[in-house]
Amino acid sequence: MSEYDTQAQVTEAQQAALRLANVDEETRNAALQSIADAIRDSEAAILEANAEDVEEAEEMLAQGEYTQALVDRLKLDSGKLESIAEMVESVAEQDDPLGETLEARQLDDDLELYKVAVPIGVVGTIFESRPDALVQIAALSLKSGNSVILKGGSEASASNRILYETIVEATAEIVPKGWAQLIEAHEEVDRLLEMDDKVDLLMPRGSSEFVSYIQDNTQIPVLGHTEGICHVYVDEAADLEMAEDIAFDAKVQYPAVCNAVETLLVSEAVAEQYLPGMVERYEDAGVTLRGDERTREAVDVDPATEADWDTEYGDLELSIKVVEDVYEAVEHVNTHGSKHTESIVTEDGDTAETFMTGIDAASVFHNASTRFADGYRYGLGAEVGISTGKIHARGPVGLAGLTTYKYYLEGDGQLVATYAGDDAEPFTHVDFDGEWTPGQLSDR
């Protein structure tokens, strides 16, 4: 695609965003329902396109170019398509994020200030090889009144293309044309990074190196979603049966995702009691295990290297480290974690508090699997990604993370001069419960 075409796509998205911001919730929900219905109706065509991607990916797997985890993330089937359709419907069922009055303050009689939630505008997203990510991001963008520029991994090009076409056709007669755009070539991404006058937010999903590349090559604000190097810490006061179940679920239930655990930390006080059964259970599930010296004193596993503590395996692989106490666990997590999701298993409330308040991560759990770190499971409908930064949005980014706000001031002819000088009128500055509606003072 030419530079002109990329420019035209982004310009069209910008124009659509201005119109979409004023589309009412009922219409946006109707468009989402149309997308869900279209995905179900297009199942055969979508699966056929996906089969092309999977076949090529499996060839690359055989050549050692791709991992099994990548191929697993890529695959769609009837059950997954139904889950995608249900996800779109769940987004439609969420409360409208737009138009909510976040604050209301009387500055003086008949001078009222409202802080109101509005769309961000044009968001660009670059995501990995999961085709369902395209639908999730598009659905959340539509519900929140944003236009979206979509760029998926080349491994899923056929799947992404047909899903995009399905979405556009399903919404063509309902919402402004051009609200969703698909770009496919790497050079188009580089051109997109230069369009800080038209694109309001970028949301890359991928490795730290990839997110850093995006941040270093654009002036557009970036909401980064990097890798998930997640930990489970089994404390000396843990229910060890519970700890086995949590650590197993966090690794084995779906190892290819960013909220799967990559390192298991175990208190030295329970290591000899806990590790043999846990290791046997992992090995029965086909998990490749590596451990530090203290771990290998308790169980027979391969030695872990320093690089293992900083590795996101995304597969049935796990590193294990025995630590002295919760403080060493916190230090290890803050040194090697990716600020994604961490979990402690303990029956000691004080220890849980020490871990949860001491960890620098978007999500920190007590007695629960790291796999719960997900927009759908958090009740957000879906997510555009998990932000490991601290600005604007953090953790699973749902509808609220795709909004910003405006200040609306409703007056009745007031002048700043009235409030300046020695004889100035004082501001009242009284907060009150109220919702902004256009021209409401005139209607009183």
Protein backbone atom coordinates (compact mmCIF):
# COMPACT_ATOMS: atom_id res chain seq x y z
CA MET A 1 0.00 0.00 0.00
CA SER A 2 1.31 3.45 -0.85
CA GLU A 3 2.14 6.22 1.57
CA TYR A 4 -0.83 8.15 0.19
CA ASP A 5 -3.19 5.28 0.95
CA THR A 6 -1.95 4.97 4.53
CA GLN A 7 -2.40 8.70 4.97
CA ALA A 8 -5.89 8.44 3.48
CA GLN A 9 -6.81 5.58 5.82
CA VAL A 10 -5.74 7.47 8.92
CA THR A 11 -7.46 10.66 7.72
CA GLU A 12 -10.67 8.72 7.13
CA ALA A 13 -10.41 7.24 10.64
CA GLN A 14 -9.89 10.72 12.09
CA GLN A 15 -12.99 12.05 10.34
CA ALA A 16 -15.01 9.03 11.43
CA ALA A 17 -13.89 9.49 15.04
CA LEU A 18 -15.43 12.97 15.15
CA ARG A 19 -18.76 11.55 14.02
CA LEU A 20 -18.57 8.37 16.08
CA ALA A 21 -18.11 10.39 19.27
CA ASN A 22 -21.68 11.63 18.80
CA VAL A 23 -23.28 8.26 18.00
CA ASP A 24 -25.63 7.23 20.81
CA GLU A 25 -25.13 4.11 22.90
CA GLU A 26 -28.10 2.27 21.40
CA THR A 27 -26.64 2.59 17.91
CA ARG A 28 -23.14 1.54 19.01
CA ASN A 29 -24.62 -1.51 20.75
CA ALA A 30 -26.62 -2.39 17.65
CA ALA A 31 -23.40 -2.30 15.62
CA LEU A 32 -21.72 -4.60 18.12
CA GLN A 33 -24.58 -7.07 17.96
CA SER A 34 -24.34 -6.98 14.18
CA ILE A 35 -20.63 -7.88 14.46
CA ALA A 36 -21.39 -10.83 16.76
CA ASP A 37 -24.07 -12.12 14.38
CA ALA A 38 -21.81 -11.70 11.35
CA ILE A 39 -18.98 -13.67 12.99
CA ARG A 40 -21.36 -16.56 13.62
CA ASP A 41 -22.76 -16.37 10.09
CA SER A 42 -19.27 -16.26 8.55
CA GLU A 43 -17.85 -19.18 10.53
CA ALA A 44 -16.98 -21.35 7.53
CA ALA A 45 -15.15 -18.58 5.68
CA ILE A 46 -13.28 -17.43 8.80
CA LEU A 47 -12.12 -20.95 9.66
CA GLU A 48 -11.03 -21.54 6.06
CA ALA A 49 -8.86 -18.41 6.14
CA ASN A 50 -7.51 -19.34 9.55
CA ALA A 51 -6.58 -22.81 8.28
CA GLU A 52 -4.33 -21.13 5.67
CA ASP A 53 -2.51 -19.22 8.41
CA VAL A 54 -2.18 -22.31 10.61
CA GLU A 55 -0.83 -24.41 7.75
CA GLU A 56 1.87 -21.84 6.99
CA ALA A 57 2.66 -21.47 10.69
CA GLU A 58 3.06 -25.22 11.13
CA GLU A 59 5.50 -25.26 8.23
CA MET A 60 7.49 -22.53 9.97
CA LEU A 61 7.28 -24.53 13.21
CA ALA A 62 8.78 -27.55 11.46
CA GLN A 63 11.64 -25.33 10.27
CA GLY A 64 12.23 -24.06 13.80
CA GLU A 65 11.12 -20.51 12.94
CA TYR A 66 7.94 -20.50 15.06
CA THR A 67 7.11 -21.93 18.47
CA GLN A 68 4.25 -24.27 19.28
CA ALA A 69 2.86 -21.54 21.54
CA LEU A 70 2.56 -19.18 18.57
CA VAL A 71 0.73 -21.82 16.54
CA ASP A 72 -1.63 -22.50 19.45
CA ARG A 73 -2.47 -18.80 19.81
CA LEU A 74 -3.17 -18.62 16.09
CA LYS A 75 -5.70 -21.45 15.85
CA LEU A 76 -9.44 -20.81 15.67
CA ASP A 77 -12.26 -23.34 15.84
CA SER A 78 -16.03 -23.22 16.20
CA GLY A 79 -15.82 -22.95 19.97
CA LYS A 80 -13.36 -20.07 19.85
CA LEU A 81 -15.46 -18.22 17.28
CA GLU A 82 -18.51 -18.55 19.48
CA SER A 83 -16.47 -17.23 22.41
CA ILE A 84 -15.39 -14.27 20.26
CA ALA A 85 -19.01 -13.52 19.34
CA GLU A 86 -20.04 -13.75 23.00
CA MET A 87 -17.18 -11.43 23.93
CA VAL A 88 -18.49 -8.81 21.49
CA GLU A 89 -21.96 -9.14 23.04
CA SER A 90 -20.48 -8.77 26.52
CA VAL A 91 -18.85 -5.49 25.43
CA ALA A 92 -22.25 -4.27 24.24
CA GLU A 93 -23.70 -5.13 27.64
CA GLN A 94 -21.18 -2.96 29.49
CA ASP A 95 -22.26 0.41 30.82
CA ASP A 96 -21.74 3.25 28.36
CA PRO A 97 -18.32 4.78 29.12
CA LEU A 98 -19.21 8.02 27.32
CA GLY A 99 -21.03 11.04 28.67
CA GLU A 100 -20.55 10.08 32.30
CA THR A 101 -20.11 13.09 34.55
CA LEU A 102 -16.98 12.37 36.57
CA GLU A 103 -17.11 15.56 38.63
CA ALA A 104 -19.53 18.46 39.00
CA ARG A 105 -18.60 21.71 40.72
CA GLN A 106 -20.42 25.00 41.20
CA LEU A 107 -18.00 27.88 40.70
CA ASP A 108 -20.69 30.44 41.46
CA ASP A 109 -24.45 30.79 41.04
CA ASP A 110 -25.34 29.64 37.51
CA LEU A 111 -21.66 28.90 36.75
CA GLU A 112 -21.18 25.14 36.77
CA LEU A 113 -18.19 23.03 35.73
CA TYR A 114 -18.54 19.42 34.59
CA LYS A 115 -15.81 16.87 33.94
CA VAL A 116 -17.28 14.48 31.35
CA ALA A 117 -15.94 11.22 29.85
CA VAL A 118 -15.31 11.35 26.08
CA PRO A 119 -13.53 9.15 23.50
CA ILE A 120 -9.78 9.47 22.97
CA GLY A 121 -10.27 9.77 19.20
CA VAL A 122 -8.07 7.66 16.91
CA VAL A 123 -6.24 4.74 18.50
CA GLY A 124 -3.67 2.64 16.70
CA THR A 125 -2.94 -0.89 17.85
CA ILE A 126 -0.26 -3.34 16.83
CA PHE A 127 -0.83 -6.80 18.22
CA GLU A 128 0.40 -10.37 18.14
CA SER A 129 -0.72 -13.49 16.29
CA ARG A 130 -4.04 -14.04 18.09
CA PRO A 131 -6.85 -13.28 15.61
CA ASP A 132 -9.33 -12.81 18.45
CA ALA A 133 -7.30 -9.76 19.52
CA LEU A 134 -8.45 -7.91 16.40
CA VAL A 135 -12.10 -8.40 17.28
CA GLN A 136 -11.59 -7.55 20.95
CA ILE A 137 -9.83 -4.31 20.16
CA ALA A 138 -12.31 -3.31 17.46
CA ALA A 139 -15.29 -4.02 19.74
CA LEU A 140 -13.89 -2.01 22.63
CA SER A 141 -12.98 0.86 20.33
CA LEU A 142 -16.46 0.97 18.85
CA LYS A 143 -18.21 0.84 22.23
CA SER A 144 -15.99 3.65 23.53
CA GLY A 145 -16.58 5.80 20.44
CA ASN A 146 -13.05 5.60 19.05
CA SER A 147 -11.80 4.96 15.55
CA VAL A 148 -9.14 2.26 15.40
CA ILE A 149 -6.16 1.45 13.17
CA LEU A 150 -5.51 -2.31 13.35
CA LYS A 151 -2.18 -4.01 12.61
CA GLY A 152 -1.90 -7.70 13.41
CA GLY A 153 0.97 -10.13 13.06
CA SER A 154 1.79 -11.37 9.58
CA GLU A 155 1.31 -14.94 10.83
CA ALA A 156 -2.44 -14.24 11.06
CA SER A 157 -2.81 -12.13 7.92
CA ALA A 158 -5.57 -14.17 6.27
CA SER A 159 -7.51 -14.50 9.53
CA ASN A 160 -7.17 -10.81 10.34
CA ARG A 161 -8.24 -9.79 6.87
CA ILE A 162 -11.49 -11.76 6.86
CA LEU A 163 -12.33 -10.78 10.43
CA TYR A 164 -11.75 -7.13 9.56
CA GLU A 165 -13.90 -7.41 6.43
CA THR A 166 -16.64 -9.10 8.46
CA ILE A 167 -16.61 -6.29 11.03
CA VAL A 168 -16.66 -3.51 8.43
CA GLU A 169 -19.49 -5.07 6.44
CA ALA A 170 -21.52 -5.73 9.59
CA THR A 171 -21.35 -2.09 10.69
CA ALA A 172 -21.44 -0.32 7.32
CA GLU A 173 -25.06 0.83 7.58
CA ILE A 174 -25.00 1.53 11.32
CA VAL A 175 -22.00 3.68 12.30
CA PRO A 176 -19.77 6.15 10.40
CA LYS A 177 -17.77 4.62 7.59
CA GLY A 178 -14.03 4.42 8.17
CA TRP A 179 -14.08 3.94 11.95
CA ALA A 180 -11.95 0.77 11.57
CA GLN A 181 -8.90 0.52 9.32
CA LEU A 182 -6.56 -2.42 8.66
CA ILE A 183 -2.91 -1.96 7.79
CA GLU A 184 -0.70 -4.92 6.98
CA ALA A 185 2.83 -3.98 5.88
CA HIS A 186 5.71 -3.11 8.23
CA GLU A 187 6.40 0.13 6.36
CA GLU A 188 2.82 1.20 7.04
CA VAL A 189 3.55 0.97 10.76
CA ASP A 190 6.54 3.27 10.35
CA ARG A 191 4.34 5.78 8.52
CA LEU A 192 1.70 5.48 11.22
CA LEU A 193 4.28 6.35 13.88
CA GLU A 194 4.85 9.69 12.15
CA MET A 195 1.18 10.74 12.24
CA ASP A 196 1.08 12.36 15.67
CA ASP A 197 -1.23 15.03 14.24
CA LYS A 198 -3.92 12.44 13.47
CA VAL A 199 -3.42 9.47 15.85
CA ASP A 200 -4.13 10.09 19.53
CA LEU A 201 -2.89 6.87 21.16
CA LEU A 202 -0.83 3.81 20.22
CA MET A 203 -1.30 0.45 21.94
CA PRO A 204 1.44 -2.04 21.00
CA ARG A 205 1.23 -5.60 22.33
CA GLY A 206 4.44 -7.60 22.28
CA SER A 207 7.94 -7.87 23.71
CA SER A 208 9.66 -5.14 25.69
CA GLU A 209 11.99 -4.59 22.74
CA PHE A 210 9.05 -4.11 20.39
CA VAL A 211 7.24 -1.69 22.70
CA SER A 212 10.49 0.22 23.24
CA TYR A 213 10.93 0.49 19.47
CA ILE A 214 7.46 2.02 19.16
CA GLN A 215 8.08 4.44 22.02
CA ASP A 216 11.45 5.51 20.62
CA ASN A 217 10.13 6.17 17.13
CA THR A 218 6.98 8.19 17.66
CA GLN A 219 5.69 11.31 19.38
CA ILE A 220 2.26 9.70 19.78
CA PRO A 221 1.44 8.69 23.38
CA VAL A 222 2.06 4.95 23.82
CA LEU A 223 0.11 2.65 26.14
CA GLY A 224 2.58 -0.25 26.32
CA HIS A 225 1.72 -3.88 26.85
CA THR A 226 4.96 -5.82 27.21
CA GLU A 227 5.67 -9.45 28.01
CA GLY A 228 4.34 -11.23 31.06
CA ILE A 229 7.04 -12.58 33.34
CA CYS A 230 4.66 -13.57 36.12
CA HIS A 231 5.40 -15.28 39.45
CA VAL A 232 3.61 -17.35 42.05
CA TYR A 233 5.15 -17.26 45.54
CA VAL A 234 4.33 -20.14 47.90
CA ASP A 235 4.77 -18.83 51.43
CA GLU A 236 5.64 -20.90 54.51
CA ALA A 237 2.08 -20.26 55.76
CA ALA A 238 0.45 -21.48 52.54
CA ASP A 239 -2.18 -24.18 52.29
CA LEU A 240 0.09 -26.45 50.24
CA GLU A 241 -2.75 -28.27 48.49
CA MET A 242 -4.15 -24.92 47.40
CA ALA A 243 -0.67 -23.81 46.40
CA GLU A 244 -0.28 -26.86 44.14
CA ASP A 245 -3.59 -26.19 42.42
CA ILE A 246 -2.86 -22.48 41.91
CA ALA A 247 0.68 -23.00 40.61
CA PHE A 248 -0.54 -25.76 38.28
CA ASP A 249 -3.40 -23.69 36.87
CA ALA A 250 -1.18 -20.64 36.44
CA LYS A 251 1.24 -22.60 34.22
CA VAL A 252 -0.68 -25.43 32.58
CA GLN A 253 -4.23 -24.15 31.97
CA TYR A 254 -3.01 -22.06 29.00
CA PRO A 255 0.77 -21.57 28.93
CA ALA A 256 0.91 -19.45 25.75
CA VAL A 257 -0.59 -16.28 27.25
CA CYS A 258 1.03 -13.34 29.00
CA ASN A 259 -0.63 -13.99 32.37
CA ALA A 260 0.72 -17.54 32.69
CA VAL A 261 3.32 -18.01 35.44
CA GLU A 262 6.96 -18.29 34.36
CA THR A 263 8.72 -18.55 37.73
CA LEU A 264 7.60 -20.36 40.87
CA LEU A 265 9.05 -19.00 44.11
CA VAL A 266 8.92 -21.24 47.18
CA SER A 267 9.72 -20.45 50.81
CA GLU A 268 12.65 -22.50 52.06
CA ALA A 269 10.55 -23.46 55.09
CA VAL A 270 8.22 -25.60 52.94
CA ALA A 271 10.39 -26.40 49.91
CA GLU A 272 11.21 -30.01 50.83
CA GLN A 273 7.59 -30.70 51.68
CA TYR A 274 6.03 -28.90 48.72
CA LEU A 275 8.32 -29.32 45.75
CA PRO A 276 8.38 -33.12 45.19
CA GLY A 277 4.62 -33.37 44.66
CA MET A 278 4.46 -30.13 42.68
CA VAL A 279 7.29 -31.18 40.39
CA GLU A 280 5.74 -34.60 39.79
CA ARG A 281 2.45 -32.96 38.85
CA TYR A 282 4.16 -30.55 36.47
CA GLU A 283 6.19 -33.31 34.84
CA ASP A 284 3.08 -35.44 34.34
CA ALA A 285 1.64 -32.47 32.41
CA GLY A 286 4.75 -32.22 30.22
CA VAL A 287 6.25 -29.13 31.82
CA THR A 288 10.02 -28.66 31.38
CA LEU A 289 11.45 -27.53 34.72
CA ARG A 290 14.59 -25.68 35.76
CA GLY A 291 15.62 -24.78 39.28
CA ASP A 292 18.20 -22.93 41.30
CA GLU A 293 20.68 -24.74 43.53
CA ARG A 294 18.37 -24.86 46.56
CA THR A 295 15.53 -26.20 44.42
CA ARG A 296 17.78 -28.95 43.04
CA GLU A 297 18.62 -30.02 46.59
CA ALA A 298 14.95 -30.94 47.00
CA VAL A 299 14.03 -32.22 43.51
CA ASP A 300 15.75 -33.48 40.37
CA VAL A 301 15.35 -30.77 37.73
CA ASP A 302 17.69 -29.11 35.25
CA PRO A 303 19.73 -26.13 36.51
CA ALA A 304 18.32 -22.66 35.97
CA THR A 305 20.49 -19.89 34.57
CA GLU A 306 20.32 -16.18 35.31
CA ALA A 307 18.63 -15.73 31.93
CA ASP A 308 15.74 -17.96 33.02
CA TRP A 309 14.58 -15.44 35.61
CA ASP A 310 14.08 -12.88 32.82
CA THR A 311 12.45 -15.19 30.29
CA GLU A 312 8.83 -15.35 29.19
CA TYR A 313 8.56 -18.94 27.99
CA GLY A 314 4.99 -18.81 26.69
CA ASP A 315 5.04 -22.60 26.75
CA LEU A 316 5.15 -25.59 29.10
CA GLU A 317 8.39 -24.43 30.70
CA LEU A 318 8.95 -23.11 34.23
CA SER A 319 11.80 -21.96 36.43
CA ILE A 320 11.75 -22.55 40.19
CA LYS A 321 13.59 -20.65 42.91
CA VAL A 322 13.69 -21.27 46.65
CA VAL A 323 13.72 -18.03 48.66
CA GLU A 324 14.28 -17.30 52.32
CA ASP A 325 11.06 -15.40 52.97
CA VAL A 326 8.50 -12.98 51.53
CA TYR A 327 11.06 -10.17 51.44
CA GLU A 328 13.39 -12.12 49.18
CA ALA A 329 10.38 -13.07 47.05
CA VAL A 330 9.39 -9.40 46.67
CA GLU A 331 12.98 -8.45 45.81
CA HIS A 332 13.17 -11.18 43.15
CA VAL A 333 9.85 -10.21 41.59
CA ASN A 334 10.66 -6.51 41.49
CA THR A 335 14.05 -7.29 39.92
CA HIS A 336 12.95 -9.80 37.29
CA GLY A 337 9.20 -9.30 36.82
CA SER A 338 7.59 -7.35 33.99
CA LYS A 339 5.09 -5.48 36.22
CA HIS A 340 2.26 -7.62 34.83
CA THR A 341 0.70 -10.02 37.37
CA GLU A 342 2.05 -11.61 40.56
CA SER A 343 0.48 -13.93 43.14
CA ILE A 344 1.16 -15.04 46.70
CA VAL A 345 -0.28 -18.16 48.32
CA THR A 346 -0.46 -17.81 52.10
CA GLU A 347 -2.88 -18.01 55.00
CA ASP A 348 -1.03 -15.19 56.81
CA GLY A 349 -2.75 -11.88 56.18
CA ASP A 350 0.23 -9.77 57.24
CA THR A 351 2.53 -11.63 54.85
CA ALA A 352 0.00 -11.24 52.06
CA GLU A 353 -0.12 -7.48 52.71
CA THR A 354 3.68 -7.26 52.68
CA PHE A 355 3.81 -9.00 49.30
CA MET A 356 0.89 -7.17 47.71
CA THR A 357 1.93 -3.68 48.76
CA GLY A 358 5.63 -4.31 48.11
CA ILE A 359 5.24 -5.59 44.55
CA ASP A 360 5.42 -3.16 41.63
CA ALA A 361 2.92 -4.71 39.20
CA ALA A 362 -0.39 -3.87 37.56
CA SER A 363 -2.14 -6.80 39.28
CA VAL A 364 -1.19 -8.58 42.51
CA PHE A 365 -3.24 -11.54 43.76
CA HIS A 366 -3.64 -13.40 47.03
CA ASN A 367 -4.51 -17.10 46.85
CA ALA A 368 -5.49 -16.98 43.17
CA SER A 369 -4.01 -17.99 39.83
CA THR A 370 -2.27 -15.33 37.73
CA ARG A 371 -4.54 -16.41 34.87
CA PHE A 372 -7.31 -14.23 36.33
CA ALA A 373 -5.55 -11.13 34.98
CA ASP A 374 -7.88 -10.60 32.05
CA GLY A 375 -10.33 -7.93 30.98
CA TYR A 376 -13.23 -10.35 30.56
CA ARG A 377 -12.61 -11.98 33.94
CA TYR A 378 -12.32 -8.55 35.56
CA GLY A 379 -15.79 -7.71 34.22
CA LEU A 380 -14.49 -5.22 31.65
CA GLY A 381 -16.17 -7.06 28.76
CA ALA A 382 -12.82 -7.55 27.02
CA GLU A 383 -9.46 -5.81 26.87
CA VAL A 384 -7.26 -4.11 24.32
CA GLY A 385 -4.25 -5.33 26.28
CA ILE A 386 -2.67 -5.22 29.69
CA SER A 387 -0.80 -2.03 30.45
CA THR A 388 2.29 -2.53 32.59
CA GLY A 389 2.92 1.21 32.81
CA LYS A 390 1.47 3.58 35.39
CA ILE A 391 0.11 6.46 33.32
CA HIS A 392 -3.49 6.79 32.05
CA ALA A 393 -4.46 3.12 32.40
CA ARG A 394 -2.96 0.13 34.21
CA GLY A 395 -3.64 -3.60 34.11
CA PRO A 396 -6.31 -4.95 31.73
CA VAL A 397 -7.38 -1.98 29.62
CA GLY A 398 -11.10 -2.01 28.90
CA LEU A 399 -13.58 0.68 28.01
CA ALA A 400 -12.55 3.17 30.69
CA GLY A 401 -8.96 2.99 29.48
CA LEU A 402 -10.12 4.12 26.02
CA THR A 403 -11.70 7.32 27.28
CA THR A 404 -10.40 10.67 28.39
CA TYR A 405 -12.40 13.67 29.57
CA LYS A 406 -13.39 17.23 28.75
CA TYR A 407 -14.35 20.10 31.01
CA TYR A 408 -17.71 21.64 30.14
CA LEU A 409 -18.53 24.99 31.69
CA GLU A 410 -22.17 26.11 31.78
CA GLY A 411 -22.64 29.80 32.50
CA ASP A 412 -25.08 32.67 32.22
CA GLY A 413 -22.97 35.55 30.92
CA GLN A 414 -20.32 35.61 33.68
CA LEU A 415 -17.08 37.53 33.06
CA VAL A 416 -13.62 36.86 34.51
CA ALA A 417 -13.38 40.59 35.37
CA THR A 418 -16.08 40.05 37.99
CA TYR A 419 -13.73 37.77 39.89
CA ALA A 420 -10.56 39.91 39.59
CA GLY A 421 -9.35 42.88 41.65
CA ASP A 422 -9.86 44.05 45.21
CA ASP A 423 -13.65 44.00 44.95
CA ALA A 424 -13.78 40.59 43.28
CA GLU A 425 -16.65 38.24 43.89
CA PRO A 426 -15.50 35.02 45.62
CA PHE A 427 -15.89 31.67 43.90
CA THR A 428 -18.11 29.23 45.76
CA HIS A 429 -16.28 26.05 44.55
CA VAL A 430 -18.92 23.63 45.83
CA ASP A 431 -18.95 20.07 44.55
CA PHE A 432 -22.40 18.60 43.88
CA ASP A 433 -24.05 15.52 42.42
CA GLY A 434 -25.21 16.29 38.94
CA GLU A 435 -25.05 15.15 35.33
CA TRP A 436 -24.11 17.44 32.47
CA THR A 437 -26.68 17.97 29.73
CA PRO A 438 -26.27 20.60 26.99
CA GLY A 439 -27.88 23.95 27.72
CA GLN A 440 -29.23 22.84 31.06
CA LEU A 441 -28.95 26.29 32.66
CA SER A 442 -30.99 27.81 29.83
CA ASP A 443 -33.70 25.23 30.39
CA ARG A 444 -34.14 26.02 34.08
